[in-house]
Structure formats: structure tokens, C-alpha cells
Amino acid sequence: VQLQASGGGLVQAGDSLRLSCAASGRTNSNHVMGWFRRAPGKEREFVGAFGPRIGGASIAESVKGRFTISRDNAKNSLYLQMNMLKPEDTAVYYCAASSLTIAGANSDRYRYWGPGTLVTVSS
């Protein structure tokens, strides 16, 4: 499975961005796909995941209410809608795909990773 994220950029606090992740290769709509991020000087952080066995979308508490995750299986794509962005959301955002139907926030359960897209939020 190959993953390519896009949609990052430089925005101001309060703005919105929509990240997209296109998957190709041996994809499986039952397997979990997710978003992680790594801010400068910090550990990689789970943002959200989507999979039918986890009841659809799962979003981290730190971004709940501002970020939503969705998936279009027909397009083999995963999306992250980010609203009311804050400077602390500045990070490289990574799309990941698991070969499991349940993966959650544990990055070890994601086998495939895209190269990441940079989101910079200015104050």
C-alpha cells in the first residue's frame, strides 16, 4: 500500500484546512486508516482513525470538536478536516494504513506510512 498525503500549507489561527490521503496498491476498505502528527520537538501523536470495526471515525481528545475524519472507499482516500486551527496544531501530518481492522492510537499497529504534509499555523 502506498500513501500520499496532500493539502498542507501555511494558514492563520482560526482558519481551516482539509488534508487528503490517497491510497494505492493492495488497499482494503475494512482495514483502519489514520492520521498522526509530529510537532517540532515532540513525539508523534495520534490524531484520528477510520475503520468500519471501530464504528467509523475516532478522533483524539486533543482535537475533538475541531477536526473530523472521513473516508471515501470508492476513491481509496482518507480525509482530515481541520477547523479553528491553532498554532499548536503546527506539525507534519502523516497518513497511515493498518493491515488490521482495529488499530486505534497505537502507531505500531499501522504498517504503511505516507511521507507527510506540513501544516503551519501562524498566530
N, C-alpha and C. Protein backbone atom coordinates (compact mmCIF):
# COMPACT_ATOMS: atom_id res chain seq x y z
N VAL A 1 0.85 -1.19 0.00
CA VAL A 1 0.00 0.00 0.00
C VAL A 1 0.89 1.25 0.00
N GLN A 2 0.59 2.14 -0.92
CA GLN A 2 1.31 3.42 -0.98
C GLN A 2 0.35 4.54 -0.59
N LEU A 3 0.86 5.49 0.18
CA LEU A 3 0.03 6.57 0.68
C LEU A 3 0.65 7.90 0.31
N GLN A 4 -0.18 8.83 -0.08
CA GLN A 4 0.29 10.16 -0.43
C GLN A 4 -0.67 11.18 0.16
N ALA A 5 -0.17 11.94 1.11
CA ALA A 5 -0.97 12.99 1.75
C ALA A 5 -0.76 14.31 1.03
N SER A 6 -1.78 15.13 1.05
CA SER A 6 -1.69 16.45 0.45
C SER A 6 -2.63 17.39 1.18
N GLY A 7 -2.48 18.68 0.90
CA GLY A 7 -3.38 19.67 1.47
C GLY A 7 -2.78 20.53 2.56
N GLY A 8 -1.56 20.24 2.95
CA GLY A 8 -0.93 21.06 3.98
C GLY A 8 -0.57 22.44 3.46
N GLY A 9 -0.19 23.31 4.37
CA GLY A 9 0.19 24.65 3.97
C GLY A 9 0.31 25.58 5.15
N LEU A 10 0.47 26.85 4.85
CA LEU A 10 0.58 27.89 5.88
C LEU A 10 -0.75 28.62 6.00
N VAL A 11 -1.33 28.62 7.19
CA VAL A 11 -2.59 29.30 7.43
C VAL A 11 -2.49 30.11 8.72
N GLN A 12 -3.50 30.92 8.95
CA GLN A 12 -3.55 31.69 10.19
C GLN A 12 -4.45 31.00 11.20
N ALA A 13 -4.22 31.33 12.45
CA ALA A 13 -5.05 30.78 13.51
C ALA A 13 -6.53 31.07 13.22
N GLY A 14 -7.35 30.05 13.42
CA GLY A 14 -8.77 30.19 13.15
C GLY A 14 -9.19 29.71 11.77
N ASP A 15 -8.23 29.52 10.89
CA ASP A 15 -8.52 29.05 9.54
C ASP A 15 -8.81 27.55 9.52
N SER A 16 -9.18 27.08 8.34
CA SER A 16 -9.45 25.66 8.14
C SER A 16 -8.56 25.11 7.03
N LEU A 17 -8.31 23.82 7.13
CA LEU A 17 -7.59 23.10 6.08
C LEU A 17 -8.19 21.71 5.97
N ARG A 18 -8.11 21.17 4.79
CA ARG A 18 -8.55 19.79 4.59
C ARG A 18 -7.39 19.00 4.00
N LEU A 19 -6.95 18.01 4.74
CA LEU A 19 -5.91 17.12 4.26
C LEU A 19 -6.54 15.91 3.58
N SER A 20 -5.87 15.47 2.53
CA SER A 20 -6.31 14.28 1.81
C SER A 20 -5.19 13.26 1.80
N CYS A 21 -5.57 12.01 1.78
CA CYS A 21 -4.60 10.93 1.68
C CYS A 21 -5.12 9.94 0.65
N ALA A 22 -4.36 9.78 -0.41
CA ALA A 22 -4.72 8.84 -1.47
C ALA A 22 -3.94 7.56 -1.28
N ALA A 23 -4.65 6.46 -1.23
CA ALA A 23 -4.03 5.16 -1.06
C ALA A 23 -4.08 4.40 -2.38
N SER A 24 -3.02 3.66 -2.64
CA SER A 24 -2.97 2.83 -3.84
C SER A 24 -2.32 1.50 -3.49
N GLY A 25 -2.48 0.56 -4.37
CA GLY A 25 -1.93 -0.76 -4.11
C GLY A 25 -2.98 -1.69 -3.52
N ARG A 26 -2.57 -2.59 -2.65
CA ARG A 26 -3.47 -3.59 -2.09
C ARG A 26 -4.23 -3.02 -0.89
N THR A 27 -5.14 -2.13 -1.21
CA THR A 27 -5.93 -1.50 -0.15
C THR A 27 -7.10 -2.38 0.24
N ASN A 28 -7.61 -2.16 1.43
CA ASN A 28 -8.74 -2.92 1.94
C ASN A 28 -9.60 -1.97 2.76
N SER A 29 -10.83 -1.80 2.34
CA SER A 29 -11.70 -0.84 3.00
C SER A 29 -12.04 -1.24 4.43
N ASN A 30 -11.79 -2.49 4.81
CA ASN A 30 -12.06 -2.92 6.18
C ASN A 30 -10.90 -2.62 7.12
N HIS A 31 -9.76 -2.30 6.56
CA HIS A 31 -8.60 -2.01 7.38
C HIS A 31 -8.61 -0.55 7.81
N VAL A 32 -8.07 -0.32 8.96
CA VAL A 32 -8.08 1.02 9.52
C VAL A 32 -7.07 1.92 8.81
N MET A 33 -7.48 3.16 8.58
CA MET A 33 -6.55 4.20 8.14
C MET A 33 -6.59 5.32 9.16
N GLY A 34 -5.48 6.00 9.32
CA GLY A 34 -5.45 7.03 10.35
C GLY A 34 -4.53 8.19 10.02
N TRP A 35 -4.63 9.20 10.87
CA TRP A 35 -3.77 10.37 10.79
C TRP A 35 -2.98 10.50 12.09
N PHE A 36 -1.70 10.79 11.93
CA PHE A 36 -0.84 11.11 13.05
C PHE A 36 -0.16 12.44 12.74
N ARG A 37 0.43 13.04 13.75
CA ARG A 37 1.17 14.27 13.52
C ARG A 37 2.38 14.32 14.44
N ARG A 38 3.39 15.06 13.99
CA ARG A 38 4.57 15.27 14.81
C ARG A 38 4.92 16.75 14.77
N ALA A 39 4.76 17.37 15.91
CA ALA A 39 5.11 18.78 16.04
C ALA A 39 6.61 18.90 16.29
N PRO A 40 7.19 20.05 16.00
CA PRO A 40 8.62 20.25 16.21
C PRO A 40 9.02 19.96 17.65
N GLY A 41 9.98 19.06 17.82
CA GLY A 41 10.48 18.75 19.15
C GLY A 41 9.59 17.86 19.99
N LYS A 42 8.55 17.31 19.39
CA LYS A 42 7.62 16.48 20.16
C LYS A 42 7.51 15.08 19.56
N GLU A 43 6.90 14.20 20.34
CA GLU A 43 6.67 12.84 19.88
C GLU A 43 5.52 12.81 18.88
N ARG A 44 5.50 11.76 18.10
CA ARG A 44 4.38 11.56 17.17
C ARG A 44 3.10 11.37 17.96
N GLU A 45 2.03 11.97 17.47
CA GLU A 45 0.76 11.98 18.20
C GLU A 45 -0.36 11.48 17.30
N PHE A 46 -1.21 10.65 17.87
CA PHE A 46 -2.40 10.17 17.15
C PHE A 46 -3.39 11.30 17.00
N VAL A 47 -3.96 11.43 15.80
CA VAL A 47 -4.97 12.45 15.54
C VAL A 47 -6.35 11.82 15.37
N GLY A 48 -6.42 10.79 14.56
CA GLY A 48 -7.70 10.14 14.34
C GLY A 48 -7.56 8.94 13.44
N ALA A 49 -8.59 8.12 13.41
CA ALA A 49 -8.59 6.92 12.59
C ALA A 49 -10.00 6.65 12.08
N PHE A 50 -10.05 5.83 11.03
CA PHE A 50 -11.34 5.48 10.45
C PHE A 50 -11.31 4.02 10.05
N GLY A 51 -12.34 3.30 10.47
CA GLY A 51 -12.46 1.90 10.09
C GLY A 51 -13.82 1.39 10.47
N PRO A 52 -14.39 0.50 9.68
CA PRO A 52 -15.75 0.03 9.98
C PRO A 52 -15.89 -0.67 11.32
N ARG A 53 -14.87 -1.40 11.76
CA ARG A 53 -14.99 -2.12 13.04
C ARG A 53 -14.77 -1.24 14.25
N ILE A 54 -14.32 -0.03 14.03
CA ILE A 54 -14.22 0.90 15.17
C ILE A 54 -15.38 1.89 15.14
N GLY A 55 -16.41 1.53 14.40
CA GLY A 55 -17.60 2.35 14.37
C GLY A 55 -17.47 3.60 13.54
N GLY A 56 -16.57 3.58 12.57
CA GLY A 56 -16.39 4.74 11.73
C GLY A 56 -15.18 5.54 12.15
N ALA A 57 -15.43 6.77 12.62
CA ALA A 57 -14.33 7.68 12.93
C ALA A 57 -14.01 7.71 14.42
N SER A 58 -12.73 7.83 14.71
CA SER A 58 -12.24 8.01 16.07
C SER A 58 -11.29 9.19 16.06
N ILE A 59 -11.53 10.15 16.94
CA ILE A 59 -10.73 11.38 16.97
C ILE A 59 -10.11 11.55 18.34
N ALA A 60 -8.86 12.00 18.35
CA ALA A 60 -8.17 12.23 19.62
C ALA A 60 -8.85 13.35 20.40
N GLU A 61 -8.82 13.23 21.70
CA GLU A 61 -9.45 14.24 22.56
C GLU A 61 -8.86 15.63 22.33
N SER A 62 -7.60 15.68 21.99
CA SER A 62 -6.92 16.98 21.85
C SER A 62 -7.45 17.81 20.69
N VAL A 63 -8.11 17.14 19.73
CA VAL A 63 -8.61 17.87 18.57
C VAL A 63 -10.11 17.68 18.38
N LYS A 64 -10.72 16.96 19.27
CA LYS A 64 -12.16 16.68 19.14
C LYS A 64 -12.94 17.99 19.18
N GLY A 65 -13.92 18.07 18.28
CA GLY A 65 -14.71 19.30 18.17
C GLY A 65 -14.18 20.25 17.12
N ARG A 66 -12.93 20.06 16.72
CA ARG A 66 -12.34 20.91 15.68
C ARG A 66 -11.97 20.12 14.43
N PHE A 67 -11.54 18.89 14.61
CA PHE A 67 -11.13 18.05 13.49
C PHE A 67 -12.16 16.94 13.27
N THR A 68 -12.38 16.60 12.02
CA THR A 68 -13.20 15.44 11.68
C THR A 68 -12.47 14.62 10.63
N ILE A 69 -12.69 13.33 10.69
CA ILE A 69 -12.04 12.41 9.77
C ILE A 69 -13.11 11.69 8.98
N SER A 70 -12.84 11.48 7.71
CA SER A 70 -13.78 10.78 6.86
C SER A 70 -13.03 9.95 5.84
N ARG A 71 -13.77 9.09 5.19
CA ARG A 71 -13.13 8.17 4.25
C ARG A 71 -14.05 7.95 3.07
N ASP A 72 -13.46 7.89 1.90
CA ASP A 72 -14.20 7.58 0.67
C ASP A 72 -13.59 6.31 0.10
N ASN A 73 -14.23 5.19 0.34
CA ASN A 73 -13.66 3.91 -0.11
C ASN A 73 -13.62 3.81 -1.63
N ALA A 74 -14.57 4.43 -2.29
CA ALA A 74 -14.59 4.39 -3.76
C ALA A 74 -13.35 5.07 -4.34
N LYS A 75 -12.83 6.05 -3.62
CA LYS A 75 -11.64 6.77 -4.07
C LYS A 75 -10.39 6.33 -3.34
N ASN A 76 -10.52 5.34 -2.46
CA ASN A 76 -9.38 4.90 -1.65
C ASN A 76 -8.70 6.09 -0.97
N SER A 77 -9.51 6.94 -0.39
CA SER A 77 -8.98 8.17 0.19
C SER A 77 -9.48 8.39 1.61
N LEU A 78 -8.62 9.02 2.38
CA LEU A 78 -8.90 9.40 3.76
C LEU A 78 -8.74 10.90 3.85
N TYR A 79 -9.61 11.54 4.64
CA TYR A 79 -9.58 12.99 4.74
C TYR A 79 -9.52 13.42 6.20
N LEU A 80 -8.92 14.58 6.40
CA LEU A 80 -8.91 15.18 7.73
C LEU A 80 -9.30 16.65 7.57
N GLN A 81 -10.50 16.96 8.03
CA GLN A 81 -10.98 18.34 8.00
C GLN A 81 -10.58 19.01 9.31
N MET A 82 -9.81 20.06 9.21
CA MET A 82 -9.30 20.74 10.39
C MET A 82 -9.85 22.16 10.44
N ASN A 83 -10.64 22.43 11.44
CA ASN A 83 -11.24 23.75 11.61
C ASN A 83 -10.68 24.43 12.86
N MET A 84 -10.84 25.73 12.91
CA MET A 84 -10.38 26.52 14.07
C MET A 84 -8.95 26.16 14.44
N LEU A 85 -8.09 26.18 13.46
CA LEU A 85 -6.71 25.78 13.68
C LEU A 85 -6.01 26.71 14.66
N LYS A 86 -5.12 26.11 15.43
CA LYS A 86 -4.36 26.83 16.44
C LYS A 86 -2.87 26.69 16.14
N PRO A 87 -2.05 27.61 16.61
CA PRO A 87 -0.60 27.47 16.38
C PRO A 87 -0.05 26.12 16.88
N GLU A 88 -0.63 25.59 17.94
CA GLU A 88 -0.15 24.29 18.45
C GLU A 88 -0.52 23.12 17.56
N ASP A 89 -1.31 23.37 16.51
CA ASP A 89 -1.59 22.32 15.53
C ASP A 89 -0.49 22.23 14.48
N THR A 90 0.47 23.14 14.53
CA THR A 90 1.59 23.10 13.59
C THR A 90 2.35 21.80 13.75
N ALA A 91 2.48 21.07 12.63
CA ALA A 91 3.11 19.75 12.67
C ALA A 91 3.19 19.20 11.26
N VAL A 92 3.95 18.14 11.13
CA VAL A 92 3.88 17.33 9.92
C VAL A 92 2.81 16.27 10.16
N TYR A 93 1.86 16.21 9.27
CA TYR A 93 0.74 15.28 9.40
C TYR A 93 0.99 14.08 8.49
N TYR A 94 0.86 12.90 9.07
CA TYR A 94 1.12 11.66 8.36
C TYR A 94 -0.15 10.84 8.23
N CYS A 95 -0.33 10.31 7.05
CA CYS A 95 -1.39 9.34 6.81
C CYS A 95 -0.80 7.95 7.01
N ALA A 96 -1.57 7.07 7.62
CA ALA A 96 -1.10 5.72 7.88
C ALA A 96 -2.20 4.72 7.61
N ALA A 97 -1.80 3.54 7.21
CA ALA A 97 -2.77 2.48 6.94
C ALA A 97 -2.35 1.23 7.70
N SER A 98 -3.33 0.61 8.31
CA SER A 98 -3.07 -0.62 9.02
C SER A 98 -3.48 -1.82 8.17
N SER A 99 -2.96 -2.96 8.48
CA SER A 99 -3.42 -4.20 7.86
C SER A 99 -4.38 -4.92 8.81
N LEU A 100 -4.87 -4.17 9.79
CA LEU A 100 -5.79 -4.69 10.78
C LEU A 100 -7.12 -3.98 10.69
N THR A 101 -8.14 -4.60 11.24
CA THR A 101 -9.46 -3.96 11.25
C THR A 101 -9.67 -3.13 12.50
N ILE A 102 -8.81 -3.30 13.46
CA ILE A 102 -8.83 -2.47 14.67
C ILE A 102 -7.38 -2.05 14.95
N ALA A 103 -7.15 -0.73 15.03
CA ALA A 103 -5.78 -0.27 15.24
C ALA A 103 -5.70 0.80 16.32
N GLY A 104 -6.58 1.77 16.28
CA GLY A 104 -6.61 2.79 17.31
C GLY A 104 -5.43 3.73 17.26
N ALA A 105 -4.99 4.17 18.42
CA ALA A 105 -3.96 5.19 18.53
C ALA A 105 -2.54 4.63 18.56
N ASN A 106 -2.41 3.32 18.57
CA ASN A 106 -1.08 2.71 18.65
C ASN A 106 -0.42 2.71 17.27
N SER A 107 0.59 3.52 17.11
CA SER A 107 1.22 3.65 15.81
C SER A 107 1.89 2.35 15.35
N ASP A 108 2.22 1.48 16.28
CA ASP A 108 2.84 0.19 15.92
C ASP A 108 1.89 -0.70 15.13
N ARG A 109 0.60 -0.42 15.20
CA ARG A 109 -0.39 -1.24 14.52
C ARG A 109 -0.66 -0.77 13.09
N TYR A 110 0.08 0.29 12.69
CA TYR A 110 -0.04 0.80 11.32
C TYR A 110 1.20 0.39 10.54
N ARG A 111 0.96 -0.29 9.46
CA ARG A 111 2.07 -0.89 8.71
C ARG A 111 2.60 0.05 7.63
N TYR A 112 1.72 0.87 7.07
CA TYR A 112 2.10 1.68 5.93
C TYR A 112 2.00 3.17 6.29
N TRP A 113 2.98 3.93 5.87
CA TRP A 113 3.04 5.36 6.18
C TRP A 113 3.35 6.18 4.95
N GLY A 114 2.67 7.31 4.83
CA GLY A 114 2.98 8.25 3.77
C GLY A 114 4.08 9.19 4.21
N PRO A 115 4.60 10.01 3.32
CA PRO A 115 5.72 10.90 3.62
C PRO A 115 5.35 12.13 4.46
N GLY A 116 4.06 12.41 4.64
CA GLY A 116 3.69 13.54 5.49
C GLY A 116 3.50 14.83 4.71
N THR A 117 2.67 15.68 5.29
CA THR A 117 2.44 17.00 4.73
C THR A 117 2.49 18.02 5.87
N LEU A 118 3.17 19.13 5.63
CA LEU A 118 3.40 20.11 6.68
C LEU A 118 2.24 21.09 6.80
N VAL A 119 1.78 21.25 8.01
CA VAL A 119 0.76 22.26 8.33
C VAL A 119 1.38 23.26 9.30
N THR A 120 1.36 24.51 8.91
CA THR A 120 1.90 25.57 9.75
C THR A 120 0.80 26.58 10.05
N VAL A 121 0.55 26.81 11.31
CA VAL A 121 -0.50 27.74 11.72
C VAL A 121 0.16 28.92 12.42
N SER A 122 0.01 30.08 11.84
CA SER A 122 0.60 31.27 12.43
C SER A 122 -0.41 31.96 13.35
N SER A 123 0.12 32.64 14.36
CA SER A 123 -0.76 33.29 15.34
C SER A 123 -1.14 34.70 14.91
